[in-house]
């Protein structure tokens, strides 16, 4: 076996959609003549999650926070990780690839790598994925300590093929400057033949697969790290995207697709082409095989996206779009560089409501410039949009935690320009001197108030209980970090 590509757990609920990266990599290396096997450990750990709900939060914290330790949780996970290592090595691979989905996958990646090296010190391990692309430390540290033998940053399809050929000097490998793949249409379709696809059904009970139509983003929001991973926006042709969806419908019987893109309508040319081709294809399918799709979506003006574009996206199978509203305050959104006006936002909601496409709203409570008045505008937004809730247009709200100061974001990389002070390296331990009353305790207070307010109005809040537990865990971490740094911090009592 040339390579076993394993998916370390990330735990976070992904609406039942299959992790994409390993299938994308397998499809491409097989197309170049190499043998590959995918092992999905995230699915296995998620199954344990369901069997042992009483330890779900501890497992989640264990993988999400590198400093969290809980002995009973480790006693459950230790034999599982060792079993995974044995399972990988049974294939006698030349290389083991670990797909690091996000920061939340880093700890599992480290533990699996160590378990592999303890069993077979000469096993070759390569890691890659979004979880190392915007992190300047994790992969480099593992490589320096010889826990891994290679790491790939940036687009991995071509680099992984070159690594399997023995070319470790190729772009993106072990610190070599990565280059973006400009023609995404040349990549092979993802290969899901190793997945237990019956495990993956979305919340509507449909067979669900991911799809990627573009990389990068046409916006440059201050809190987002996407442009650090993909400085330029490249996209597939609409015909190529539609072709993959048709292939996956015919090959795997997929009935739902979720775009992994930062935005599905980044290129309106490709978006229109895809929508019209899919609309024609869906009309030929029997009712039971008619698929739906959802994805992240940016607000555009009526001139950029007139009403007929919304009609086409509905006919193509669009069921739900995820929109980063972020704040009810236009002043805050402008500072974030969201790139749309209040008029554009209201127009988009009206059109989605008209054609019957649902939306999930993504919000950030506690942005660096957010005043009490700005926060009130966010609360008011949900009051004003109650008709959309009652008609079913707003399907869910994601409040997340509060603003995380993620590495490789404009806010984190240019803290001095935004007058941000970060006493420790914890992503929640920051304050803006232009808005000094918005400390972490105040951000948590507003976040708790926001959830209570919108739940009182009847809006469903994504993972509401888990996020509350996560925020209190983060509070304890910030408090402990601050104590080590010599600062006093008051207890959180709400």
Protein backbone atom coordinates (compact mmCIF):
# COMPACT_ATOMS: atom_id res chain seq x y z
CA UNK A 1 0.00 0.00 0.00
CA UNK A 2 1.45 3.36 -1.00
CA UNK A 3 -0.48 5.41 1.53
CA UNK A 4 -3.11 5.08 4.24
CA UNK A 5 -4.96 8.37 4.68
CA UNK A 6 -6.52 8.57 8.14
CA UNK A 7 -9.00 11.12 9.45
CA UNK A 8 -8.23 12.01 13.09
CA UNK A 9 -11.29 13.00 15.11
CA UNK A 10 -12.40 16.58 15.24
CA UNK A 11 -15.69 15.78 17.03
CA UNK A 12 -17.49 18.99 16.01
CA UNK A 13 -20.89 18.25 14.49
CA UNK A 14 -20.81 18.72 10.74
CA UNK A 15 -24.50 18.16 10.03
CA UNK A 16 -23.84 14.56 9.05
CA UNK A 17 -21.69 15.36 6.04
CA UNK A 18 -18.75 13.13 5.15
CA UNK A 19 -15.26 14.62 5.70
CA UNK A 20 -14.03 15.59 2.25
CA UNK A 21 -10.23 15.92 2.30
CA UNK A 22 -9.25 12.26 2.49
CA UNK A 23 -11.58 11.32 -0.37
CA UNK A 24 -10.25 14.20 -2.47
CA UNK A 25 -6.65 13.11 -1.85
CA UNK A 26 -7.39 9.45 -2.55
CA UNK A 27 -9.15 10.26 -5.82
CA UNK A 28 -6.15 12.24 -6.99
CA UNK A 29 -3.34 9.86 -5.95
CA UNK A 30 -5.20 6.86 -7.42
CA UNK A 31 -5.63 8.81 -10.67
CA UNK A 32 -1.81 9.10 -10.72
CA UNK A 33 -1.30 5.35 -10.28
CA UNK A 34 -0.77 4.99 -6.52
CA UNK A 35 -2.65 2.73 -4.13
CA UNK A 36 -4.47 4.33 -1.19
CA UNK A 37 -6.78 3.44 1.68
CA UNK A 38 -8.91 5.85 3.74
CA UNK A 39 -9.65 5.19 7.44
CA UNK A 40 -12.23 7.44 9.08
CA UNK A 41 -11.54 7.65 12.81
CA UNK A 42 -13.75 10.69 13.25
CA UNK A 43 -16.78 8.54 12.46
CA UNK A 44 -15.68 5.96 15.03
CA UNK A 45 -15.17 8.48 17.83
CA UNK A 46 -18.45 10.16 16.98
CA UNK A 47 -20.15 6.80 17.38
CA UNK A 48 -18.65 6.51 20.88
CA UNK A 49 -19.96 10.00 21.52
CA UNK A 50 -23.47 8.75 20.85
CA UNK A 51 -23.04 5.60 22.93
CA UNK A 52 -21.62 7.49 25.92
CA UNK A 53 -23.43 10.86 26.06
CA UNK A 54 -22.35 11.33 29.68
CA UNK A 55 -18.73 11.81 28.58
CA UNK A 56 -19.44 13.68 25.35
CA UNK A 57 -18.36 17.07 26.69
CA UNK A 58 -15.13 15.64 28.16
CA UNK A 59 -14.22 13.97 24.86
CA UNK A 60 -15.00 17.19 23.02
CA UNK A 61 -12.84 19.24 25.40
CA UNK A 62 -10.05 16.65 25.24
CA UNK A 63 -9.65 17.07 21.50
CA UNK A 64 -10.51 20.77 21.31
CA UNK A 65 -8.18 22.03 24.05
CA UNK A 66 -4.62 20.82 24.25
CA UNK A 67 -4.34 21.69 27.96
CA UNK A 68 -7.49 19.82 29.02
CA UNK A 69 -6.85 16.53 30.81
CA UNK A 70 -9.38 14.22 32.44
CA UNK A 71 -8.14 10.81 33.58
CA UNK A 72 -11.41 8.84 33.00
CA UNK A 73 -11.62 10.27 29.50
CA UNK A 74 -8.03 9.36 28.73
CA UNK A 75 -8.63 5.80 29.97
CA UNK A 76 -11.34 5.51 27.33
CA UNK A 77 -9.33 7.10 24.53
CA UNK A 78 -5.90 5.54 25.09
CA UNK A 79 -6.79 1.99 23.95
CA UNK A 80 -8.81 3.39 21.05
CA UNK A 81 -5.85 5.40 19.74
CA UNK A 82 -3.56 2.37 20.07
CA UNK A 83 -6.08 0.27 18.15
CA UNK A 84 -6.13 2.90 15.38
CA UNK A 85 -2.34 2.73 15.10
CA UNK A 86 -2.47 -1.06 14.77
CA UNK A 87 -5.19 -0.79 12.13
CA UNK A 88 -3.12 1.64 10.06
CA UNK A 89 0.07 -0.43 10.25
CA UNK A 90 -1.77 -3.62 9.25
CA UNK A 91 -1.89 -2.25 5.70
CA UNK A 92 1.94 -1.97 5.65
CA UNK A 93 1.86 1.48 4.04
CA UNK A 94 4.89 3.29 2.63
CA UNK A 95 3.35 6.49 3.99
CA UNK A 96 0.67 7.35 6.53
CA UNK A 97 -1.20 10.57 5.83
CA UNK A 98 -3.16 12.30 8.59
CA UNK A 99 -5.78 14.79 7.44
CA UNK A 100 -5.86 17.62 10.00
CA UNK A 101 -9.31 19.13 9.53
CA UNK A 102 -8.87 22.05 11.90
CA UNK A 103 -7.21 23.19 15.13
CA UNK A 104 -9.60 20.77 16.86
CA UNK A 105 -7.87 17.83 15.13
CA UNK A 106 -4.34 18.69 16.24
CA UNK A 107 -4.26 16.83 19.52
CA UNK A 108 -5.62 13.63 18.00
CA UNK A 109 -3.07 13.95 15.18
CA UNK A 110 -0.22 14.21 17.67
CA UNK A 111 -1.43 11.20 19.69
CA UNK A 112 -1.94 8.98 16.64
CA UNK A 113 1.50 9.95 15.30
CA UNK A 114 3.15 9.08 18.62
CA UNK A 115 1.33 5.75 18.81
CA UNK A 116 2.51 4.89 15.29
CA UNK A 117 6.12 5.83 16.00
CA UNK A 118 6.17 3.85 19.25
CA UNK A 119 5.11 0.75 17.36
CA UNK A 120 7.15 1.27 14.20
CA UNK A 121 9.77 4.03 14.49
CA UNK A 122 10.59 3.93 10.77
CA UNK A 123 6.99 4.45 9.62
CA UNK A 124 6.73 7.57 7.46
CA UNK A 125 4.02 10.04 8.48
CA UNK A 126 2.88 13.11 6.56
CA UNK A 127 0.24 15.56 7.79
CA UNK A 128 -1.68 18.28 6.03
CA UNK A 129 -4.98 20.10 5.94
CA UNK A 130 -6.66 23.25 7.12
CA UNK A 131 -5.59 22.51 10.69
CA UNK A 132 -1.95 23.26 9.86
CA UNK A 133 -2.33 25.71 6.98
CA UNK A 134 -2.83 28.75 9.18
CA UNK A 135 -0.79 27.48 12.13
CA UNK A 136 2.88 28.50 12.21
CA UNK A 137 3.89 26.12 15.01
CA UNK A 138 2.10 22.76 15.12
CA UNK A 139 3.44 20.96 12.05
CA UNK A 140 6.89 22.50 12.37
CA UNK A 141 7.19 21.31 15.97
CA UNK A 142 6.15 17.73 15.15
CA UNK A 143 8.59 17.68 12.24
CA UNK A 144 11.48 19.08 14.32
CA UNK A 145 10.86 16.45 17.00
CA UNK A 146 10.67 13.71 14.34
CA UNK A 147 7.16 12.75 15.36
CA UNK A 148 6.27 13.16 11.68
CA UNK A 149 8.43 12.85 8.56
CA UNK A 150 6.77 15.46 6.38
CA UNK A 151 4.06 18.07 6.34
CA UNK A 152 2.24 19.70 3.46
CA UNK A 153 0.82 23.20 3.61
CA UNK A 154 -1.51 24.72 1.07
CA UNK A 155 -3.26 22.69 -1.62
CA UNK A 156 -2.23 19.09 -1.04
CA UNK A 157 -3.32 17.14 -4.12
CA UNK A 158 -0.30 17.77 -6.33
CA UNK A 159 2.18 17.95 -3.44
CA UNK A 160 1.10 14.56 -2.08
CA UNK A 161 1.57 12.95 -5.49
CA UNK A 162 5.09 14.41 -5.65
CA UNK A 163 5.85 13.19 -2.12
CA UNK A 164 4.82 9.66 -3.09
CA UNK A 165 7.18 9.96 -6.05
CA UNK A 166 9.97 10.81 -3.62
CA UNK A 167 10.18 14.51 -4.43
CA UNK A 168 10.27 16.21 -1.01
CA UNK A 169 11.44 19.50 -2.49
CA UNK A 170 8.09 20.21 -4.12
CA UNK A 171 6.01 23.29 -3.29
CA UNK A 172 4.26 23.11 0.09
CA UNK A 173 6.34 20.25 1.51
CA UNK A 174 8.34 20.76 4.73
CA UNK A 175 8.40 24.53 4.60
CA UNK A 176 8.71 24.97 0.85
CA UNK A 177 6.50 27.86 -0.27
CA UNK A 178 3.11 26.41 -1.26
CA UNK A 179 1.48 27.30 -4.54
CA UNK A 180 -2.23 27.29 -5.20
CA UNK A 181 -3.71 25.00 -7.82
CA UNK A 182 -5.06 27.39 -10.40
CA UNK A 183 -7.05 24.99 -12.59
CA UNK A 184 -9.23 23.06 -10.15
CA UNK A 185 -11.06 21.40 -13.05
CA UNK A 186 -8.00 19.16 -13.62
CA UNK A 187 -8.38 17.36 -10.25
CA UNK A 188 -9.99 13.93 -10.08
CA UNK A 189 -13.38 13.56 -8.42
CA UNK A 190 -13.25 12.48 -4.75
CA UNK A 191 -13.23 8.72 -4.05
CA UNK A 192 -15.57 7.69 -1.22
CA UNK A 193 -15.29 3.94 -1.79
CA UNK A 194 -13.61 3.36 1.61
CA UNK A 195 -16.20 5.28 3.61
CA UNK A 196 -19.05 3.71 5.51
CA UNK A 197 -21.46 6.10 3.83
CA UNK A 198 -24.47 4.74 5.68
CA UNK A 199 -23.00 6.38 8.77
CA UNK A 200 -23.28 9.79 7.16
CA UNK A 201 -26.77 11.12 6.85
CA UNK A 202 -27.54 14.77 7.32
CA UNK A 203 -30.13 16.12 9.73
CA UNK A 204 -32.81 15.57 7.11
CA UNK A 205 -31.92 11.87 6.91
CA UNK A 206 -30.40 12.13 3.41
CA UNK A 207 -27.23 10.47 2.10
CA UNK A 208 -24.83 13.39 2.29
CA UNK A 209 -21.54 14.16 0.56
CA UNK A 210 -19.35 17.29 0.51
CA UNK A 211 -18.28 19.09 -2.65
CA UNK A 212 -15.71 21.81 -3.25
CA UNK A 213 -16.26 24.36 -5.99
CA UNK A 214 -13.67 26.96 -5.06
CA UNK A 215 -10.77 27.81 -2.78
CA UNK A 216 -10.15 31.12 -1.13
CA UNK A 217 -12.59 33.98 -0.79
CA UNK A 218 -13.49 37.18 -2.60
CA UNK A 219 -13.74 38.99 0.73
CA UNK A 220 -11.09 39.60 3.40
CA UNK A 221 -12.95 39.70 6.72
CA UNK A 222 -10.77 40.81 9.61
CA UNK A 223 -11.57 37.79 11.82
CA UNK A 224 -11.11 35.09 9.15
CA UNK A 225 -8.00 33.05 8.27
CA UNK A 226 -9.14 31.75 4.86
CA UNK A 227 -7.01 34.21 2.89
CA UNK A 228 -3.93 33.12 4.82
CA UNK A 229 -4.39 29.60 3.45
CA UNK A 230 -5.53 30.66 -0.04
CA UNK A 231 -4.36 34.21 -0.86
CA UNK A 232 -6.10 34.10 -4.25
CA UNK A 233 -9.61 32.99 -5.13
CA UNK A 234 -9.75 30.16 -7.67
CA UNK A 235 -12.90 28.37 -8.74
CA UNK A 236 -14.05 25.45 -10.83
CA UNK A 237 -16.27 25.90 -13.82
CA UNK A 238 -19.95 25.50 -13.13
CA UNK A 239 -20.05 22.56 -15.53
CA UNK A 240 -17.27 20.76 -13.61
CA UNK A 241 -19.09 21.21 -10.30
CA UNK A 242 -22.37 19.99 -11.78
CA UNK A 243 -20.52 17.04 -13.34
CA UNK A 244 -19.19 15.93 -9.96
CA UNK A 245 -22.62 16.13 -8.36
CA UNK A 246 -24.08 14.02 -11.18
CA UNK A 247 -21.25 11.49 -10.76
CA UNK A 248 -21.78 11.17 -7.00
CA UNK A 249 -25.55 10.81 -7.44
CA UNK A 250 -25.02 8.00 -9.93
CA UNK A 251 -22.10 6.30 -8.11
CA UNK A 252 -23.11 6.55 -4.44
CA UNK A 253 -26.78 7.48 -4.56
CA UNK A 254 -26.06 10.77 -2.82
CA UNK A 255 -29.16 12.85 -2.17
CA UNK A 256 -27.57 15.81 -0.39
CA UNK A 257 -24.44 17.86 -0.95
CA UNK A 258 -22.75 20.44 1.19
CA UNK A 259 -20.25 22.84 -0.33
CA UNK A 260 -17.04 23.13 1.67
CA UNK A 261 -16.28 26.48 -0.01
CA UNK A 262 -16.01 29.70 1.93
CA UNK A 263 -18.74 30.88 -0.43
CA UNK A 264 -20.72 29.18 -3.20
CA UNK A 265 -21.45 32.39 -5.10
CA UNK A 266 -17.93 33.81 -5.21
CA UNK A 267 -17.94 33.62 -9.01
CA UNK A 268 -21.39 34.47 -10.29
CA UNK A 269 -20.44 33.13 -13.73
CA UNK A 270 -19.66 29.66 -12.36
CA UNK A 271 -22.59 29.82 -9.93
CA UNK A 272 -25.10 30.55 -12.70
CA UNK A 273 -23.65 27.86 -14.97
CA UNK A 274 -23.85 25.28 -12.18
CA UNK A 275 -27.39 26.22 -11.17
CA UNK A 276 -28.83 26.06 -14.68
CA UNK A 277 -27.13 22.72 -15.47
CA UNK A 278 -28.24 21.16 -12.19
CA UNK A 279 -31.78 22.48 -12.64
CA UNK A 280 -31.99 20.73 -16.03
CA UNK A 281 -30.57 17.51 -14.53
CA UNK A 282 -32.93 17.49 -11.56
CA UNK A 283 -35.95 17.80 -13.83
CA UNK A 284 -34.97 14.49 -15.42
CA UNK A 285 -34.72 12.61 -12.10
CA UNK A 286 -37.55 10.78 -10.36
CA UNK A 287 -38.75 12.42 -7.16
CA UNK A 288 -36.98 9.95 -4.85
CA UNK A 289 -33.58 10.75 -6.45
CA UNK A 290 -33.89 14.51 -6.45
CA UNK A 291 -30.95 15.87 -4.47
CA UNK A 292 -30.52 19.07 -2.49
CA UNK A 293 -27.43 21.12 -1.71
CA UNK A 294 -26.40 23.73 0.80
CA UNK A 295 -23.35 25.89 1.38
CA UNK A 296 -21.93 29.17 2.58
CA UNK A 297 -23.23 32.17 0.72
CA UNK A 298 -22.28 35.84 0.61
CA UNK A 299 -24.71 38.70 0.46
CA UNK A 300 -24.62 40.50 -2.86
CA UNK A 301 -26.44 43.54 -4.20
CA UNK A 302 -29.47 43.26 -6.48
CA UNK A 303 -27.32 44.42 -9.38
CA UNK A 304 -24.82 41.60 -8.79
CA UNK A 305 -27.43 38.93 -8.09
CA UNK A 306 -30.86 39.81 -9.52
CA UNK A 307 -34.03 37.86 -8.60
CA UNK A 308 -33.69 35.36 -11.47
CA UNK A 309 -30.46 34.06 -9.90
CA UNK A 310 -32.39 33.13 -6.77
CA UNK A 311 -34.97 31.34 -8.92
CA UNK A 312 -32.18 29.34 -10.60
CA UNK A 313 -30.50 28.36 -7.33
CA UNK A 314 -33.81 27.10 -5.96
CA UNK A 315 -34.46 25.06 -9.12
CA UNK A 316 -30.93 23.58 -8.90
CA UNK A 317 -31.71 22.02 -5.53
CA UNK A 318 -30.49 24.63 -3.10
CA UNK A 319 -32.14 23.94 0.24
CA UNK A 320 -30.19 26.01 2.76
CA UNK A 321 -27.49 28.67 2.68
CA UNK A 322 -25.21 29.69 5.54
CA UNK A 323 -24.81 33.45 5.73
CA UNK A 324 -22.25 35.28 7.85
CA UNK A 325 -24.42 38.11 9.12
CA UNK A 326 -22.07 38.37 12.14
CA UNK A 327 -23.68 41.46 13.69
CA UNK A 328 -26.87 43.49 13.58
CA UNK A 329 -24.75 46.64 13.51
CA UNK A 330 -23.72 47.92 10.10
CA UNK A 331 -20.92 49.87 11.78
CA UNK A 332 -19.46 46.62 13.14
CA UNK A 333 -19.94 44.81 9.82
CA UNK A 334 -18.11 47.59 8.00
CA UNK A 335 -15.16 47.29 10.38
CA UNK A 336 -15.17 43.54 9.74
CA UNK A 337 -15.03 44.29 5.98
CA UNK A 338 -18.08 42.19 5.27
CA UNK A 339 -18.57 44.03 1.99
CA UNK A 340 -22.32 44.54 1.91
CA UNK A 341 -24.82 47.21 2.91
CA UNK A 342 -27.91 47.07 5.08
CA UNK A 343 -29.98 47.33 1.89
CA UNK A 344 -28.14 44.34 0.36
CA UNK A 345 -28.76 42.27 3.48
CA UNK A 346 -32.49 43.01 3.55
CA UNK A 347 -32.78 42.33 -0.21
CA UNK A 348 -31.07 38.93 0.15
CA UNK A 349 -33.35 37.84 2.98
CA UNK A 350 -36.41 38.91 0.99
CA UNK A 351 -35.30 36.90 -2.04
CA UNK A 352 -34.50 33.77 -0.02
CA UNK A 353 -37.90 34.04 1.61
CA UNK A 354 -39.58 34.50 -1.78
CA UNK A 355 -38.09 31.41 -3.44
CA UNK A 356 -38.21 29.19 -0.34
CA UNK A 357 -34.50 28.72 0.35
CA UNK A 358 -33.74 28.41 4.05
CA UNK A 359 -30.85 30.07 5.82
CA UNK A 360 -28.67 29.51 8.86
CA UNK A 361 -27.32 32.71 10.32
CA UNK A 362 -23.70 32.86 11.52
CA UNK A 363 -23.11 35.44 14.24
CA UNK A 364 -20.15 36.80 16.23
CA UNK A 365 -20.90 38.29 19.64
CA UNK A 366 -18.14 40.45 21.11
CA UNK A 367 -16.31 41.79 18.07
CA UNK A 368 -13.44 44.15 18.92
CA UNK A 369 -15.38 47.37 18.20
CA UNK A 370 -18.77 46.17 19.48
CA UNK A 371 -20.35 48.68 21.87
CA UNK A 372 -23.42 48.09 24.00
CA UNK A 373 -25.42 49.94 21.33
CA UNK A 374 -24.04 47.66 18.60
CA UNK A 375 -24.92 44.62 20.67
CA UNK A 376 -28.46 45.92 21.11
CA UNK A 377 -28.74 46.21 17.32
CA UNK A 378 -27.94 42.51 17.08
CA UNK A 379 -30.71 41.70 19.55
CA UNK A 380 -33.07 43.97 17.63
CA UNK A 381 -32.23 42.22 14.36
CA UNK A 382 -33.72 38.99 15.68
CA UNK A 383 -36.82 40.85 16.80
CA UNK A 384 -37.22 42.33 13.33
CA UNK A 385 -36.65 39.03 11.53
CA UNK A 386 -39.26 37.06 13.45
CA UNK A 387 -41.49 36.82 10.32
CA UNK A 388 -38.65 34.92 8.58
CA UNK A 389 -38.45 32.55 11.53
CA UNK A 390 -42.18 31.92 11.57
CA UNK A 391 -42.23 31.23 7.82
CA UNK A 392 -39.32 28.80 8.15
CA UNK A 393 -36.84 30.87 6.13
CA UNK A 394 -34.47 31.14 9.11
CA UNK A 395 -33.70 27.55 10.03
CA UNK A 396 -31.08 28.01 12.73
CA UNK A 397 -28.68 30.48 14.33
CA UNK A 398 -25.03 29.78 15.08
CA UNK A 399 -23.69 31.97 17.85
CA UNK A 400 -20.41 30.12 18.29
CA UNK A 401 -18.49 31.19 21.37
CA UNK A 402 -17.25 34.79 21.25
CA UNK A 403 -14.67 36.34 18.93
CA UNK A 404 -11.58 34.11 18.80
CA UNK A 405 -8.33 35.81 17.86
CA UNK A 406 -7.30 33.12 15.41
CA UNK A 407 -3.71 32.95 14.11
CA UNK A 408 -3.13 34.28 10.58
CA UNK A 409 -6.18 36.52 10.62
CA UNK A 410 -5.87 40.27 9.98
CA UNK A 411 -6.88 40.96 13.60
CA UNK A 412 -4.22 38.64 15.01
CA UNK A 413 -1.45 39.48 12.57
CA UNK A 414 -1.94 43.24 12.88
CA UNK A 415 -2.95 43.62 16.51
CA UNK A 416 -1.13 46.93 16.84
CA UNK A 417 -3.15 48.43 13.97
CA UNK A 418 -6.37 47.46 15.74
CA UNK A 419 -5.05 48.44 19.20
CA UNK A 420 -5.47 44.89 20.46
CA UNK A 421 -3.48 43.61 23.42
CA UNK A 422 -3.11 39.83 23.90
CA UNK A 423 -1.53 39.06 27.30
CA UNK A 424 -1.20 35.32 26.60
CA UNK A 425 -1.42 33.21 23.46
CA UNK A 426 -4.93 31.99 24.28
CA UNK A 427 -7.30 32.89 21.44
CA UNK A 428 -9.84 34.36 23.87
CA UNK A 429 -7.38 36.33 26.00
CA UNK A 430 -7.41 39.76 24.33
CA UNK A 431 -8.72 43.29 24.78
CA UNK A 432 -9.00 46.28 22.45
CA UNK A 433 -7.78 49.50 24.08
CA UNK A 434 -10.24 51.48 21.93
CA UNK A 435 -13.08 49.52 23.56
CA UNK A 436 -11.65 48.58 26.99
CA UNK A 437 -14.92 47.64 28.71
CA UNK A 438 -15.29 44.71 26.29
CA UNK A 439 -13.11 42.30 28.23
CA UNK A 440 -13.62 38.55 28.07
CA UNK A 441 -16.07 38.54 30.94
CA UNK A 442 -18.22 41.16 29.18
CA UNK A 443 -18.04 39.23 25.92
CA UNK A 444 -19.27 36.10 27.67
CA UNK A 445 -22.02 38.07 29.38
CA UNK A 446 -23.28 39.37 26.03
CA UNK A 447 -23.01 35.93 24.44
CA UNK A 448 -25.14 34.40 27.20
CA UNK A 449 -27.67 37.23 26.96
CA UNK A 450 -27.84 36.85 23.16
CA UNK A 451 -28.58 33.14 23.37
CA UNK A 452 -31.22 33.61 26.06
CA UNK A 453 -32.85 36.39 24.02
CA UNK A 454 -33.09 34.60 20.70
CA UNK A 455 -34.12 31.29 22.24
CA UNK A 456 -36.89 33.16 24.04
CA UNK A 457 -38.02 34.42 20.64
CA UNK A 458 -38.11 30.83 19.37
CA UNK A 459 -34.97 30.66 17.20
CA UNK A 460 -33.15 27.29 17.25
CA UNK A 461 -29.53 27.78 18.35
CA UNK A 462 -26.91 25.37 17.04
CA UNK A 463 -25.34 23.20 19.76
CA UNK A 464 -26.59 25.63 22.39
CA UNK A 465 -25.82 23.52 25.48
CA UNK A 466 -22.42 22.37 24.24
CA UNK A 467 -21.31 25.91 23.43
CA UNK A 468 -22.24 27.12 26.89
CA UNK A 469 -20.14 24.33 28.43
CA UNK A 470 -17.31 25.13 26.02
CA UNK A 471 -17.36 28.83 26.93
CA UNK A 472 -17.07 28.08 30.63
CA UNK A 473 -14.15 25.74 29.91
CA UNK A 474 -12.50 28.51 27.92
CA UNK A 475 -13.12 30.93 30.76
CA UNK A 476 -11.30 28.62 33.15
CA UNK A 477 -8.38 28.37 30.73
CA UNK A 478 -8.08 32.14 30.30
CA UNK A 479 -8.35 32.60 34.06
CA UNK A 480 -5.60 30.03 34.71
CA UNK A 481 -3.37 31.51 32.01
CA UNK A 482 -3.82 34.97 33.47
CA UNK A 483 -2.94 33.74 36.95
CA UNK A 484 0.25 32.23 35.62
CA UNK A 485 0.99 35.56 33.97
CA UNK A 486 0.51 37.29 37.31
CA UNK A 487 -2.87 38.94 36.66
CA UNK A 488 -5.89 38.64 38.87
CA UNK A 489 -9.19 37.73 37.23
CA UNK A 490 -12.61 37.55 38.84
CA UNK A 491 -14.76 34.40 38.87
CA UNK A 492 -17.50 34.05 36.29
CA UNK A 493 -20.89 34.02 38.01
CA UNK A 494 -24.03 34.30 35.89
